[in-house]
Amino acid sequence: MAVTEAVENYLETILILSHKQPDVHAIDICSYLGYSRPTVSIVLKKMKDDGLVNVDQDNHITLTESGKEIAEMIYERHKLLSEFFAYIGVDRDAAAEDACKVEHDISEQTFLCLKEHFEKLRNKD
């Protein structure tokens, strides 16, 4: 199943929100991403149908194992890329914004090489 950049953003958002609060609802995703309730509802339904999220009787949204795996991968990329861009002198806000763009398109090979190189740089400091 191909996961779009938009779905990756939703999964990452659910992961981030689940670390900050006990329950995640659609309205929390709307607030975090700045999207309308109907837009979020449509995407959540597709994600549920694709087996990426579960929604219980109280409308609590949780990630399935496959959804969590994707979310954690994207979030790891986001954190490392943001840190790396800031390390090389990019303003923190711009670094985070640019990381959001790059995290979806960078190949696994390039990311792993960048991660390894950056860890060596940090260990030297």
Protein backbone atom coordinates (compact mmCIF):
# COMPACT_ATOMS: atom_id res chain seq x y z
CA MET A 1 0.00 0.00 0.00
CA ALA A 2 1.43 3.37 -1.04
CA VAL A 3 1.18 5.98 1.68
CA THR A 4 0.96 9.59 0.55
CA GLU A 5 2.80 12.53 2.09
CA ALA A 6 -0.50 13.78 3.50
CA VAL A 7 -1.17 10.47 5.24
CA GLU A 8 2.39 10.46 6.59
CA ASN A 9 1.73 13.92 8.07
CA TYR A 10 -1.47 12.68 9.74
CA LEU A 11 0.30 9.63 11.17
CA GLU A 12 3.16 11.76 12.47
CA THR A 13 0.66 14.20 14.00
CA ILE A 14 -1.22 11.41 15.77
CA LEU A 15 2.07 10.08 17.15
CA ILE A 16 3.14 13.52 18.40
CA LEU A 17 -0.25 14.22 19.96
CA SER A 18 -0.32 10.80 21.63
CA HIS A 19 2.94 11.69 23.38
CA LYS A 20 1.46 14.97 24.65
CA GLN A 21 -2.01 13.89 25.76
CA PRO A 22 -3.83 10.75 26.87
CA ASP A 23 -6.39 10.65 24.03
CA VAL A 24 -6.28 11.90 20.44
CA HIS A 25 -9.48 13.05 18.73
CA ALA A 26 -10.14 14.37 15.23
CA ILE A 27 -10.49 17.91 16.60
CA ASP A 28 -6.94 17.69 18.00
CA ILE A 29 -5.64 16.81 14.55
CA CYS A 30 -7.66 19.70 13.06
CA SER A 31 -6.10 22.11 15.52
CA TYR A 32 -2.57 20.80 15.09
CA LEU A 33 -2.60 20.76 11.29
CA GLY A 34 -4.97 23.68 10.75
CA TYR A 35 -7.37 21.60 8.62
CA SER A 36 -11.15 21.59 8.64
CA ARG A 37 -13.10 18.87 10.44
CA PRO A 38 -14.60 17.44 7.19
CA THR A 39 -11.14 17.18 5.60
CA VAL A 40 -9.71 15.38 8.63
CA SER A 41 -12.73 13.05 8.83
CA ILE A 42 -12.32 11.98 5.19
CA VAL A 43 -8.62 11.22 5.60
CA LEU A 44 -9.16 9.41 8.92
CA LYS A 45 -11.80 7.18 7.32
CA LYS A 46 -9.39 6.23 4.53
CA MET A 47 -6.60 5.63 7.05
CA LYS A 48 -8.93 3.43 9.10
CA ASP A 49 -9.96 1.49 5.97
CA ASP A 50 -6.26 1.08 5.09
CA GLY A 51 -5.49 -0.33 8.55
CA LEU A 52 -3.32 2.58 9.72
CA VAL A 53 -5.49 3.83 12.59
CA ASN A 54 -8.18 2.58 14.92
CA VAL A 55 -11.08 4.69 16.15
CA ASP A 56 -12.91 3.38 19.20
CA GLN A 57 -16.50 3.97 20.35
CA ASP A 58 -15.42 7.18 22.14
CA ASN A 59 -13.72 8.44 18.94
CA HIS A 60 -10.24 8.01 20.39
CA ILE A 61 -7.76 7.64 17.57
CA THR A 62 -4.81 5.28 17.93
CA LEU A 63 -2.21 4.05 15.49
CA THR A 64 -2.17 0.43 14.40
CA GLU A 65 1.19 -1.33 14.36
CA SER A 66 1.71 -0.48 10.67
CA GLY A 67 0.56 3.11 11.22
CA LYS A 68 2.89 3.48 14.18
CA GLU A 69 5.82 2.08 12.21
CA ILE A 70 5.33 4.68 9.46
CA ALA A 71 4.75 7.49 11.97
CA GLU A 72 7.90 6.67 13.92
CA MET A 73 9.97 6.52 10.73
CA ILE A 74 8.72 9.92 9.57
CA TYR A 75 9.11 11.46 13.03
CA GLU A 76 12.68 10.15 13.34
CA ARG A 77 13.49 11.70 9.97
CA HIS A 78 11.87 14.98 10.99
CA LYS A 79 13.80 15.21 14.25
CA LEU A 80 17.15 14.29 12.74
CA LEU A 81 16.77 16.54 9.70
CA SER A 82 15.66 19.48 11.86
CA GLU A 83 18.63 18.95 14.14
CA PHE A 84 21.05 18.60 11.23
CA PHE A 85 19.80 21.73 9.47
CA ALA A 86 20.06 23.71 12.72
CA TYR A 87 23.54 22.26 13.30
CA ILE A 88 24.74 23.65 9.97
CA GLY A 89 23.37 27.09 10.81
CA VAL A 90 19.79 27.13 9.60
CA ASP A 91 17.37 29.06 11.84
CA ARG A 92 15.42 26.56 14.01
CA ASP A 93 12.01 27.50 12.56
CA ALA A 94 13.27 27.24 8.98
CA ALA A 95 15.08 24.00 9.85
CA ALA A 96 11.85 22.43 11.14
CA GLU A 97 9.88 23.67 8.13
CA ASP A 98 12.47 22.36 5.68
CA ALA A 99 12.65 19.03 7.51
CA CYS A 100 8.89 18.65 6.95
CA LYS A 101 9.45 18.95 3.24
CA VAL A 102 12.48 16.68 2.99
CA GLU A 103 11.37 13.92 5.39
CA HIS A 104 8.87 12.52 2.87
CA ASP A 105 11.12 12.42 -0.17
CA ILE A 106 14.57 11.46 1.06
CA SER A 107 15.54 7.87 0.23
CA GLU A 108 16.19 5.38 3.00
CA GLN A 109 19.81 5.03 1.87
CA THR A 110 20.45 8.78 1.90
CA PHE A 111 18.76 9.18 5.27
CA LEU A 112 20.80 6.39 6.86
CA CYS A 113 24.06 7.83 5.49
CA LEU A 114 23.12 11.31 6.71
CA LYS A 115 22.18 9.90 10.12
CA GLU A 116 25.47 8.03 10.43
CA HIS A 117 27.50 11.07 9.34
CA PHE A 118 25.62 13.42 11.67
CA GLU A 119 26.11 11.09 14.64
CA LYS A 120 29.87 11.15 13.96
CA LEU A 121 29.79 14.96 13.85
CA ARG A 122 27.89 15.18 17.13
CA ASN A 123 30.31 12.78 18.82
CA LYS A 124 33.23 15.03 17.84
CA ASP A 125 31.66 18.06 19.54
